PDB file of N, CA and C in Angstrom:
ATOM      1  N   MET A   1     -13.813 -62.083   3.546  1.00  0.00           N
ATOM      2  CA  MET A   1     -12.696 -62.259   2.439  1.00  0.00           C
ATOM      3  C   MET A   1     -12.389 -63.938   2.738  1.00  0.00           C
ATOM      4  N   ILE A   2     -12.472 -64.154   1.377  1.00  0.00           N
ATOM      5  CA  ILE A   2     -12.317 -66.139   1.301  1.00  0.00           C
ATOM      6  C   ILE A   2     -10.870 -66.030   1.696  1.00  0.00           C
ATOM      7  N   ASP A   3     -10.761 -67.182   2.400  1.00  0.00           N
ATOM      8  CA  ASP A   3      -9.493 -67.366   3.358  1.00  0.00           C
ATOM      9  C   ASP A   3      -8.567 -68.385   2.149  1.00  0.00           C
ATOM     10  N   VAL A   4      -7.681 -68.125   1.747  1.00  0.00           N
ATOM     11  CA  VAL A   4      -6.744 -68.614   0.582  1.00  0.00           C
ATOM     12  C   VAL A   4      -6.042 -70.060   0.935  1.00  0.00           C
ATOM     13  N   LYS A   5      -5.777 -70.293   2.356  1.00  0.00           N
ATOM     14  CA  LYS A   5      -5.456 -71.467   2.690  1.00  0.00           C
ATOM     15  C   LYS A   5      -6.545 -72.382   2.991  1.00  0.00           C
ATOM     16  N   GLU A   6      -7.496 -71.897   3.309  1.00  0.00           N
ATOM     17  CA  GLU A   6      -8.876 -72.627   3.785  1.00  0.00           C
ATOM     18  C   GLU A   6      -9.367 -73.020   2.567  1.00  0.00           C
ATOM     19  N   PHE A   7      -9.247 -72.264   0.924  1.00  0.00           N
ATOM     20  CA  PHE A   7      -9.899 -72.547   0.069  1.00  0.00           C
ATOM     21  C   PHE A   7      -9.140 -73.823  -0.651  1.00  0.00           C
ATOM     22  N   LEU A   8      -8.029 -73.599  -0.888  1.00  0.00           N
ATOM     23  CA  LEU A   8      -6.570 -74.759  -1.339  1.00  0.00           C
ATOM     24  C   LEU A   8      -6.828 -75.933  -0.705  1.00  0.00           C
ATOM     25  N   PHE A   9      -7.166 -75.868   0.892  1.00  0.00           N
ATOM     26  CA  PHE A   9      -7.207 -77.314   1.540  1.00  0.00           C
ATOM     27  C   PHE A   9      -8.765 -77.651   1.563  1.00  0.00           C
ATOM     28  N   SER A  10      -9.675 -76.772   0.913  1.00  0.00           N
ATOM     29  CA  SER A  10     -10.806 -77.566   0.869  1.00  0.00           C
ATOM     30  C   SER A  10     -11.502 -78.227  -0.460  1.00  0.00           C
ATOM     31  N   LEU A  11     -10.377 -78.350  -1.610  1.00  0.00           N
ATOM     32  CA  LEU A  11     -10.393 -78.368  -3.152  1.00  0.00           C
ATOM     33  C   LEU A  11     -10.724 -80.008  -3.136  1.00  0.00           C
ATOM     34  N   PRO A  12     -10.075 -81.007  -2.478  1.00  0.00           N
ATOM     35  CA  PRO A  12     -10.054 -82.342  -2.350  1.00  0.00           C
ATOM     36  C   PRO A  12     -11.612 -82.851  -1.959  1.00  0.00           C
ATOM     37  N   ALA A  13     -12.393 -82.261  -1.242  1.00  0.00           N
ATOM     38  CA  ALA A  13     -13.599 -82.495  -0.962  1.00  0.00           C
ATOM     39  C   ALA A  13     -14.582 -81.928  -2.011  1.00  0.00           C
ATOM     40  N   LYS A  14     -14.270 -80.634  -2.844  1.00  0.00           N
ATOM     41  CA  LYS A  14     -15.403 -80.082  -3.738  1.00  0.00           C
ATOM     42  C   LYS A  14     -15.243 -80.887  -4.946  1.00  0.00           C
ATOM     43  N   VAL A  15     -13.961 -81.757  -5.594  1.00  0.00           N
ATOM     44  CA  VAL A  15     -13.752 -82.167  -6.827  1.00  0.00           C
ATOM     45  C   VAL A  15     -14.158 -83.908  -6.270  1.00  0.00           C
ATOM     46  N   LYS A  16     -15.343 -83.931  -7.349  1.00  0.00           N
ATOM     47  CA  LYS A  16     -15.367 -85.368  -7.346  1.00  0.00           C
ATOM     48  C   LYS A  16     -14.811 -86.298  -8.132  1.00  0.00           C
ATOM     49  N   PRO A  17     -14.354 -87.246  -7.530  1.00  0.00           N
ATOM     50  CA  PRO A  17     -13.088 -88.171  -7.714  1.00  0.00           C
ATOM     51  C   PRO A  17     -13.381 -88.835  -9.252  1.00  0.00           C
ATOM     52  N   GLU A  18     -15.132 -89.016  -9.396  1.00  0.00           N
ATOM     53  CA  GLU A  18     -14.902 -89.603 -11.034  1.00  0.00           C
ATOM     54  C   GLU A  18     -14.734 -88.533 -11.947  1.00  0.00           C
ATOM     55  N   ALA A  19     -14.869 -87.392 -11.804  1.00  0.00           N
ATOM     56  CA  ALA A  19     -14.542 -86.295 -12.597  1.00  0.00           C
ATOM     57  C   ALA A  19     -12.915 -86.078 -13.151  1.00  0.00           C
ATOM     58  N   VAL A  20     -12.464 -86.481 -12.304  1.00  0.00           N
ATOM     59  CA  VAL A  20     -10.813 -86.325 -12.707  1.00  0.00           C
ATOM     60  C   VAL A  20     -10.033 -87.930 -12.359  1.00  0.00           C
ATOM     61  N   GLU A  21     -10.727 -89.175 -12.419  1.00  0.00           N
ATOM     62  CA  GLU A  21     -10.530 -90.043 -12.988  1.00  0.00           C
ATOM     63  C   GLU A  21      -9.243 -90.392 -13.946  1.00  0.00           C
ATOM     64  N   GLY A  22      -8.321 -91.181 -13.745  1.00  0.00           N
ATOM     65  CA  GLY A  22      -7.434 -91.079 -14.944  1.00  0.00           C
ATOM     66  C   GLY A  22      -6.681 -89.842 -15.299  1.00  0.00           C
ATOM     67  N   LEU A  23      -6.709 -88.607 -14.587  1.00  0.00           N
ATOM     68  CA  LEU A  23      -5.976 -87.900 -14.793  1.00  0.00           C
ATOM     69  C   LEU A  23      -5.197 -87.572 -13.719  1.00  0.00           C
ATOM     70  N   SER A  24      -3.810 -86.919 -14.255  1.00  0.00           N
ATOM     71  CA  SER A  24      -2.935 -86.724 -13.252  1.00  0.00           C
ATOM     72  C   SER A  24      -2.214 -85.189 -13.519  1.00  0.00           C
ATOM     73  N   THR A  25      -1.738 -84.667 -12.440  1.00  0.00           N
ATOM     74  CA  THR A  25      -1.395 -83.284 -12.705  1.00  0.00           C
ATOM     75  C   THR A  25      -1.000 -82.703 -11.459  1.00  0.00           C
ATOM     76  N   LEU A  26      -0.223 -81.520 -11.200  1.00  0.00           N
ATOM     77  CA  LEU A  26       0.521 -80.935 -10.198  1.00  0.00           C
ATOM     78  C   LEU A  26       0.680 -79.329 -10.237  1.00  0.00           C
ATOM     79  N   PHE A  27       0.070 -78.782  -9.440  1.00  0.00           N
ATOM     80  CA  PHE A  27       0.317 -77.370  -9.137  1.00  0.00           C
ATOM     81  C   PHE A  27       0.971 -76.549  -8.046  1.00  0.00           C
ATOM     82  N   HIS A  28       1.748 -75.807  -8.396  1.00  0.00           N
ATOM     83  CA  HIS A  28       2.196 -75.170  -7.440  1.00  0.00           C
ATOM     84  C   HIS A  28       1.868 -73.724  -7.459  1.00  0.00           C
ATOM     85  N   PHE A  29       0.775 -73.177  -6.428  1.00  0.00           N
ATOM     86  CA  PHE A  29       0.165 -72.047  -5.799  1.00  0.00           C
ATOM     87  C   PHE A  29       1.188 -71.400  -4.709  1.00  0.00           C
ATOM     88  N   ASP A  30       1.765 -69.970  -5.560  1.00  0.00           N
ATOM     89  CA  ASP A  30       2.784 -69.283  -4.737  1.00  0.00           C
ATOM     90  C   ASP A  30       1.933 -68.030  -4.593  1.00  0.00           C
ATOM     91  N   ILE A  31       1.550 -67.936  -3.150  1.00  0.00           N
ATOM     92  CA  ILE A  31       0.350 -66.929  -2.701  1.00  0.00           C
ATOM     93  C   ILE A  31       1.190 -66.006  -1.793  1.00  0.00           C
ATOM     94  N   ALA A  32       1.498 -64.936  -1.870  1.00  0.00           N
ATOM     95  CA  ALA A  32       2.353 -64.005  -1.208  1.00  0.00           C
ATOM     96  C   ALA A  32       1.344 -63.604  -0.039  1.00  0.00           C
ATOM     97  N   ASP A  33       2.105 -63.700   1.095  1.00  0.00           N
ATOM     98  CA  ASP A  33       1.479 -63.431   2.563  1.00  0.00           C
ATOM     99  C   ASP A  33       0.371 -64.615   2.746  1.00  0.00           C
ATOM    100  N   ALA A  34       0.270 -65.908   1.873  1.00  0.00           N
ATOM    101  CA  ALA A  34      -0.224 -66.825   2.369  1.00  0.00           C
ATOM    102  C   ALA A  34       0.413 -68.053   2.261  1.00  0.00           C
ATOM    103  N   GLY A  35       1.376 -68.265   1.831  1.00  0.00           N
ATOM    104  CA  GLY A  35       2.266 -69.186   1.613  1.00  0.00           C
ATOM    105  C   GLY A  35       2.360 -69.842   0.446  1.00  0.00           C
ATOM    106  N   GLN A  36       3.065 -71.177   0.206  1.00  0.00           N
ATOM    107  CA  GLN A  36       3.266 -71.873  -1.247  1.00  0.00           C
ATOM    108  C   GLN A  36       2.558 -73.131  -0.583  1.00  0.00           C
ATOM    109  N   PHE A  37       1.947 -73.646  -2.005  1.00  0.00           N
ATOM    110  CA  PHE A  37       1.001 -74.853  -1.665  1.00  0.00           C
ATOM    111  C   PHE A  37       1.188 -75.541  -2.828  1.00  0.00           C
ATOM    112  N   THR A  38       1.182 -77.064  -2.615  1.00  0.00           N
ATOM    113  CA  THR A  38       1.434 -78.003  -3.979  1.00  0.00           C
ATOM    114  C   THR A  38      -0.092 -78.568  -3.845  1.00  0.00           C
ATOM    115  N   VAL A  39      -0.815 -78.350  -5.320  1.00  0.00           N
ATOM    116  CA  VAL A  39      -2.049 -79.477  -5.290  1.00  0.00           C
ATOM    117  C   VAL A  39      -1.803 -80.542  -6.215  1.00  0.00           C
ATOM    118  N   GLN A  40      -1.563 -81.618  -5.768  1.00  0.00           N
ATOM    119  CA  GLN A  40      -1.605 -82.749  -6.814  1.00  0.00           C
ATOM    120  C   GLN A  40      -2.591 -83.568  -6.837  1.00  0.00           C
ATOM    121  N   LEU A  41      -2.868 -84.174  -8.010  1.00  0.00           N
ATOM    122  CA  LEU A  41      -4.239 -84.786  -8.794  1.00  0.00           C
ATOM    123  C   LEU A  41      -3.465 -86.011  -9.248  1.00  0.00           C
ATOM    124  N   ASP A  42      -3.773 -87.326  -8.828  1.00  0.00           N
ATOM    125  CA  ASP A  42      -3.253 -88.667  -9.411  1.00  0.00           C
ATOM    126  C   ASP A  42      -4.406 -89.398  -9.482  1.00  0.00           C
ATOM    127  N   ASN A  43      -4.856 -89.680 -10.539  1.00  0.00           N
ATOM    128  CA  ASN A  43      -5.895 -90.930 -10.797  1.00  0.00           C
ATOM    129  C   ASN A  43      -7.069 -90.699 -10.009  1.00  0.00           C
ATOM    130  N   GLY A  44      -7.754 -89.437  -9.564  1.00  0.00           N
ATOM    131  CA  GLY A  44      -8.916 -89.346  -9.229  1.00  0.00           C
ATOM    132  C   GLY A  44      -8.999 -89.073  -7.784  1.00  0.00           C
ATOM    133  N   LYS A  45      -7.684 -89.146  -7.257  1.00  0.00           N
ATOM    134  CA  LYS A  45      -7.065 -88.746  -5.666  1.00  0.00           C
ATOM    135  C   LYS A  45      -6.489 -87.294  -5.507  1.00  0.00           C
ATOM    136  N   MET A  46      -6.778 -86.449  -4.644  1.00  0.00           N
ATOM    137  CA  MET A  46      -6.251 -85.224  -4.602  1.00  0.00           C
ATOM    138  C   MET A  46      -5.797 -84.739  -3.380  1.00  0.00           C
ATOM    139  N   ASP A  47      -4.608 -84.421  -3.573  1.00  0.00           N
ATOM    140  CA  ASP A  47      -4.089 -83.944  -2.078  1.00  0.00           C
ATOM    141  C   ASP A  47      -3.360 -82.602  -2.115  1.00  0.00           C
ATOM    142  N   VAL A  48      -3.381 -82.006  -1.274  1.00  0.00           N
ATOM    143  CA  VAL A  48      -2.870 -80.567  -0.975  1.00  0.00           C
ATOM    144  C   VAL A  48      -1.997 -80.621   0.418  1.00  0.00           C
ATOM    145  N   SER A  49      -0.719 -79.730  -0.057  1.00  0.00           N
ATOM    146  CA  SER A  49      -0.105 -79.543   1.341  1.00  0.00           C
ATOM    147  C   SER A  49       0.846 -78.075   1.151  1.00  0.00           C
ATOM    148  N   GLU A  50       1.152 -77.935   2.118  1.00  0.00           N
ATOM    149  CA  GLU A  50       1.915 -76.824   2.473  1.00  0.00           C
ATOM    150  C   GLU A  50       3.275 -76.745   1.806  1.00  0.00           C
ATOM    151  N   GLY A  51       3.944 -75.962   1.188  1.00  0.00           N
ATOM    152  CA  GLY A  51       5.354 -76.014   0.769  1.00  0.00           C
ATOM    153  C   GLY A  51       5.189 -76.445  -0.720  1.00  0.00           C
ATOM    154  N   PHE A  52       6.088 -76.362  -1.639  1.00  0.00           N
ATOM    155  CA  PHE A  52       6.536 -76.804  -2.834  1.00  0.00           C
ATOM    156  C   PHE A  52       6.831 -78.532  -2.844  1.00  0.00           C
ATOM    157  N   SER A  53       6.322 -79.481  -3.571  1.00  0.00           N
ATOM    158  CA  SER A  53       7.047 -80.584  -3.958  1.00  0.00           C
ATOM    159  C   SER A  53       6.632 -81.387  -5.076  1.00  0.00           C
ATOM    160  N   GLY A  54       7.890 -81.783  -5.870  1.00  0.00           N
ATOM    161  CA  GLY A  54       7.702 -82.490  -7.137  1.00  0.00           C
ATOM    162  C   GLY A  54       7.779 -81.107  -8.165  1.00  0.00           C
ATOM    163  N   GLU A  55       7.964 -81.897  -9.462  1.00  0.00           N
ATOM    164  CA  GLU A  55       8.229 -80.713 -10.395  1.00  0.00           C
ATOM    165  C   GLU A  55       6.634 -80.515 -10.827  1.00  0.00           C
ATOM    166  N   PRO A  56       6.058 -79.164 -11.137  1.00  0.00           N
ATOM    167  CA  PRO A  56       4.752 -78.728 -11.540  1.00  0.00           C
ATOM    168  C   PRO A  56       4.581 -78.765 -12.900  1.00  0.00           C
ATOM    169  N   SER A  57       3.143 -79.336 -13.224  1.00  0.00           N
ATOM    170  CA  SER A  57       2.724 -78.994 -14.563  1.00  0.00           C
ATOM    171  C   SER A  57       2.487 -77.230 -14.854  1.00  0.00           C
ATOM    172  N   CYS A  58       1.976 -76.818 -13.452  1.00  0.00           N
ATOM    173  CA  CYS A  58       1.665 -75.297 -13.890  1.00  0.00           C
ATOM    174  C   CYS A  58       2.385 -74.456 -12.507  1.00  0.00           C
ATOM    175  N   LYS A  59       2.658 -73.252 -12.490  1.00  0.00           N
ATOM    176  CA  LYS A  59       2.778 -72.618 -11.377  1.00  0.00           C
ATOM    177  C   LYS A  59       2.074 -71.695 -11.219  1.00  0.00           C
ATOM    178  N   VAL A  60       1.438 -70.985 -10.462  1.00  0.00           N
ATOM    179  CA  VAL A  60       0.360 -69.927 -10.326  1.00  0.00           C
ATOM    180  C   VAL A  60       1.186 -69.103  -9.067  1.00  0.00           C
ATOM    181  N   THR A  61       1.392 -67.856  -9.414  1.00  0.00           N
ATOM    182  CA  THR A  61       1.983 -66.695  -8.333  1.00  0.00           C
ATOM    183  C   THR A  61       1.129 -65.493  -8.585  1.00  0.00           C
ATOM    184  N   THR A  62       0.883 -65.485  -7.339  1.00  0.00           N
ATOM    185  CA  THR A  62      -0.109 -63.692  -7.078  1.00  0.00           C
ATOM    186  C   THR A  62       0.099 -63.251  -5.578  1.00  0.00           C
ATOM    187  N   SER A  63      -0.753 -62.473  -5.551  1.00  0.00           N
ATOM    188  CA  SER A  63      -1.225 -62.213  -4.082  1.00  0.00           C
ATOM    189  C   SER A  63      -2.115 -62.390  -3.489  1.00  0.00           C
ATOM    190  N   THR A  64      -2.124 -62.436  -2.165  1.00  0.00           N
ATOM    191  CA  THR A  64      -3.269 -62.822  -1.200  1.00  0.00           C
ATOM    192  C   THR A  64      -4.620 -62.129  -1.923  1.00  0.00           C
ATOM    193  N   GLU A  65      -4.383 -60.707  -1.988  1.00  0.00           N
ATOM    194  CA  GLU A  65      -5.401 -59.825  -2.279  1.00  0.00           C
ATOM    195  C   GLU A  65      -6.378 -60.105  -3.512  1.00  0.00           C
ATOM    196  N   SER A  66      -5.278 -60.501  -4.699  1.00  0.00           N
ATOM    197  CA  SER A  66      -5.716 -60.918  -5.899  1.00  0.00           C
ATOM    198  C   SER A  66      -6.033 -62.200  -5.666  1.00  0.00           C
ATOM    199  N   PHE A  67      -5.800 -63.307  -5.212  1.00  0.00           N
ATOM    200  CA  PHE A  67      -6.095 -64.409  -5.343  1.00  0.00           C
ATOM    201  C   PHE A  67      -7.731 -64.591  -4.930  1.00  0.00           C
ATOM    202  N   GLN A  68      -7.801 -63.721  -3.709  1.00  0.00           N
ATOM    203  CA  GLN A  68      -9.348 -63.520  -3.079  1.00  0.00           C
ATOM    204  C   GLN A  68     -10.269 -62.961  -4.143  1.00  0.00           C
ATOM    205  N   LYS A  69      -9.808 -61.742  -4.960  1.00  0.00           N
ATOM    206  CA  LYS A  69     -10.673 -61.024  -5.744  1.00  0.00           C
ATOM    207  C   LYS A  69     -11.081 -62.255  -7.075  1.00  0.00           C
ATOM    208  N   LEU A  70      -9.793 -63.104  -7.421  1.00  0.00           N
ATOM    209  CA  LEU A  70     -10.170 -63.902  -8.425  1.00  0.00           C
ATOM    210  C   LEU A  70     -11.554 -65.011  -7.889  1.00  0.00           C
ATOM    211  N   LEU A  71     -11.103 -65.393  -6.788  1.00  0.00           N
ATOM    212  CA  LEU A  71     -12.038 -66.195  -6.210  1.00  0.00           C
ATOM    213  C   LEU A  71     -13.451 -65.630  -5.935  1.00  0.00           C
ATOM    214  N   SER A  72     -13.725 -64.415  -5.550  1.00  0.00           N
ATOM    215  CA  SER A  72     -14.710 -63.958  -5.377  1.00  0.00           C
ATOM    216  C   SER A  72     -15.486 -63.287  -6.706  1.00  0.00           C
ATOM    217  N   GLY A  73     -14.804 -63.457  -7.824  1.00  0.00           N
ATOM    218  CA  GLY A  73     -15.086 -62.792  -8.856  1.00  0.00           C
ATOM    219  C   GLY A  73     -14.983 -61.406  -9.353  1.00  0.00           C
ATOM    220  N   ASP A  74     -14.315 -60.687  -8.223  1.00  0.00           N
ATOM    221  CA  ASP A  74     -13.918 -59.262  -8.439  1.00  0.00           C
ATOM    222  C   ASP A  74     -12.709 -59.147  -9.273  1.00  0.00           C
ATOM    223  N   LEU A  75     -12.106 -59.774  -9.664  1.00  0.00           N
ATOM    224  CA  LEU A  75     -10.951 -59.834 -10.797  1.00  0.00           C
ATOM    225  C   LEU A  75     -10.849 -60.672 -11.913  1.00  0.00           C
ATOM    226  N   ASN A  76     -10.850 -60.252 -13.299  1.00  0.00           N
ATOM    227  CA  ASN A  76     -11.195 -61.228 -14.168  1.00  0.00           C
ATOM    228  C   ASN A  76      -9.738 -61.779 -14.602  1.00  0.00           C
ATOM    229  N   PRO A  77      -9.569 -63.009 -14.526  1.00  0.00           N
ATOM    230  CA  PRO A  77      -8.309 -63.568 -14.686  1.00  0.00           C
ATOM    231  C   PRO A  77      -7.581 -63.331 -15.878  1.00  0.00           C
ATOM    232  N   MET A  78      -8.032 -62.860 -16.819  1.00  0.00           N
ATOM    233  CA  MET A  78      -7.335 -62.517 -18.104  1.00  0.00           C
ATOM    234  C   MET A  78      -6.609 -61.000 -17.798  1.00  0.00           C
ATOM    235  N   MET A  79      -7.426 -60.338 -17.031  1.00  0.00           N
ATOM    236  CA  MET A  79      -6.887 -58.776 -16.785  1.00  0.00           C
ATOM    237  C   MET A  79      -5.730 -58.960 -15.562  1.00  0.00           C
ATOM    238  N   ALA A  80      -5.850 -60.063 -14.731  1.00  0.00           N
ATOM    239  CA  ALA A  80      -5.063 -60.039 -14.045  1.00  0.00           C
ATOM    240  C   ALA A  80      -3.669 -60.397 -14.350  1.00  0.00           C
ATOM    241  N   MET A  81      -3.861 -61.209 -15.573  1.00  0.00           N
ATOM    242  CA  MET A  81      -2.596 -61.823 -15.982  1.00  0.00           C
ATOM    243  C   MET A  81      -1.980 -60.799 -17.153  1.00  0.00           C
ATOM    244  N   MET A  82      -2.670 -60.280 -17.592  1.00  0.00           N
ATOM    245  CA  MET A  82      -2.201 -58.848 -18.400  1.00  0.00           C
ATOM    246  C   MET A  82      -1.723 -57.808 -17.583  1.00  0.00           C
ATOM    247  N   THR A  83      -1.940 -57.632 -16.266  1.00  0.00           N
ATOM    248  CA  THR A  83      -1.658 -56.473 -15.399  1.00  0.00           C
ATOM    249  C   THR A  83      -0.684 -56.946 -14.617  1.00  0.00           C
ATOM    250  N   GLY A  84      -0.151 -58.088 -14.828  1.00  0.00           N
ATOM    251  CA  GLY A  84       0.934 -58.669 -14.220  1.00  0.00           C
ATOM    252  C   GLY A  84       0.355 -58.787 -12.449  1.00  0.00           C
ATOM    253  N   LYS A  85      -0.705 -59.148 -12.111  1.00  0.00           N
ATOM    254  CA  LYS A  85      -1.182 -59.803 -11.022  1.00  0.00           C
ATOM    255  C   LYS A  85      -1.535 -60.991 -10.815  1.00  0.00           C
ATOM    256  N   LEU A  86      -1.188 -61.806 -11.873  1.00  0.00           N
ATOM    257  CA  LEU A  86      -1.585 -63.092 -11.597  1.00  0.00           C
ATOM    258  C   LEU A  86      -0.679 -63.432 -12.823  1.00  0.00           C
ATOM    259  N   LYS A  87       0.564 -64.274 -12.381  1.00  0.00           N
ATOM    260  CA  LYS A  87       1.442 -65.295 -13.407  1.00  0.00           C
ATOM    261  C   LYS A  87       1.035 -66.969 -13.390  1.00  0.00           C
ATOM    262  N   ILE A  88       0.873 -67.304 -14.605  1.00  0.00           N
ATOM    263  CA  ILE A  88       0.468 -68.717 -14.824  1.00  0.00           C
ATOM    264  C   ILE A  88       1.601 -69.155 -15.617  1.00  0.00           C
ATOM    265  N   SER A  89       2.207 -70.037 -15.267  1.00  0.00           N
ATOM    266  CA  SER A  89       3.569 -70.916 -16.159  1.00  0.00           C
ATOM    267  C   SER A  89       2.845 -71.670 -17.109  1.00  0.00           C
ATOM    268  N   ASN A  90       1.726 -72.417 -17.280  1.00  0.00           N
ATOM    269  CA  ASN A  90       1.459 -73.069 -18.258  1.00  0.00           C
ATOM    270  C   ASN A  90      -0.715 -72.792 -18.126  1.00  0.00           C
ATOM    271  N   PRO A  91      -0.751 -71.688 -18.804  1.00  0.00           N
ATOM    272  CA  PRO A  91      -2.114 -71.388 -18.597  1.00  0.00           C
ATOM    273  C   PRO A  91      -2.901 -72.614 -19.354  1.00  0.00           C
ATOM    274  N   GLY A  92      -2.618 -73.136 -20.225  1.00  0.00           N
ATOM    275  CA  GLY A  92      -3.536 -74.306 -20.990  1.00  0.00           C
ATOM    276  C   GLY A  92      -3.884 -75.301 -19.992  1.00  0.00           C
ATOM    277  N   GLU A  93      -2.683 -75.609 -18.989  1.00  0.00           N
ATOM    278  CA  GLU A  93      -2.915 -76.639 -18.141  1.00  0.00           C
ATOM    279  C   GLU A  93      -4.017 -76.151 -16.745  1.00  0.00           C
ATOM    280  N   MET A  94      -4.198 -74.844 -16.611  1.00  0.00           N
ATOM    281  CA  MET A  94      -4.715 -73.821 -15.503  1.00  0.00           C
ATOM    282  C   MET A  94      -6.397 -74.163 -16.057  1.00  0.00           C
ATOM    283  N   LEU A  95      -6.254 -73.615 -17.299  1.00  0.00           N
ATOM    284  CA  LEU A  95      -7.756 -73.677 -17.860  1.00  0.00           C
ATOM    285  C   LEU A  95      -8.226 -75.206 -18.223  1.00  0.00           C
ATOM    286  N   LYS A  96      -7.793 -76.602 -18.030  1.00  0.00           N
ATOM    287  CA  LYS A  96      -8.214 -77.484 -18.099  1.00  0.00           C
ATOM    288  C   LYS A  96      -8.767 -77.881 -16.662  1.00  0.00           C
ATOM    289  N   TYR A  97      -8.363 -77.331 -15.410  1.00  0.00           N
ATOM    290  CA  TYR A  97      -8.671 -77.609 -14.457  1.00  0.00           C
ATOM    291  C   TYR A  97      -9.523 -76.498 -13.605  1.00  0.00           C
ATOM    292  N   ALA A  98      -9.502 -75.055 -13.831  1.00  0.00           N
ATOM    293  CA  ALA A  98      -9.930 -74.065 -13.444  1.00  0.00           C
ATOM    294  C   ALA A  98     -11.256 -74.227 -13.080  1.00  0.00           C
ATOM    295  N   LYS A  99     -11.911 -74.416 -14.041  1.00  0.00           N
ATOM    296  CA  LYS A  99     -13.499 -74.638 -13.130  1.00  0.00           C
ATOM    297  C   LYS A  99     -13.909 -75.843 -12.296  1.00  0.00           C
ATOM    298  N   MET A 100     -12.973 -76.808 -12.238  1.00  0.00           N
ATOM    299  CA  MET A 100     -13.209 -77.776 -11.220  1.00  0.00           C
ATOM    300  C   MET A 100     -13.011 -77.394 -10.394  1.00  0.00           C
ATOM    301  N   PHE A 101     -11.681 -76.590  -9.883  1.00  0.00           N
ATOM    302  CA  PHE A 101     -11.138 -76.240  -8.747  1.00  0.00           C
ATOM    303  C   PHE A 101     -11.897 -74.967  -8.353  1.00  0.00           C
ATOM    304  N   GLY A 102     -12.921 -74.600  -8.975  1.00  0.00           N
ATOM    305  CA  GLY A 102     -13.895 -73.106  -8.609  1.00  0.00           C
ATOM    306  C   GLY A 102     -13.304 -72.279  -8.952  1.00  0.00           C
ATOM    307  N   LEU A 103     -12.429 -72.104  -9.769  1.00  0.00           N
ATOM    308  CA  LEU A 103     -11.628 -70.562 -10.085  1.00  0.00           C
ATOM    309  C   LEU A 103     -12.075 -69.804 -11.317  1.00  0.00           C
ATOM    310  N   MET A 104     -13.174 -70.467 -12.296  1.00  0.00           N
ATOM    311  CA  MET A 104     -13.875 -69.769 -12.722  1.00  0.00           C
ATOM    312  C   MET A 104     -15.266 -70.054 -12.738  1.00  0.00           C
TER     313      MET A 104
END
């Protein structure tokens, strides 16, 4: 299974700076049994930290099991939202970055 914390902290290495140049956003990931994380994108630079900081553009709330299934492709994001396994405060913002983050 994919380690949630490891996945989130590997994001800065996976995202090409030129793909996010000029973009700024802040995500909070609240993953039950894994912790709370902030993913901040500011003009091509991405930082991941434990805990919440700042005012998020989007907050993602789910369980470790559901997040792992989303990452492995075993859980459809739309079905997860419809069944309450995944809560996203701003789906439009998530859609904008989901592919870049490797969530789709």
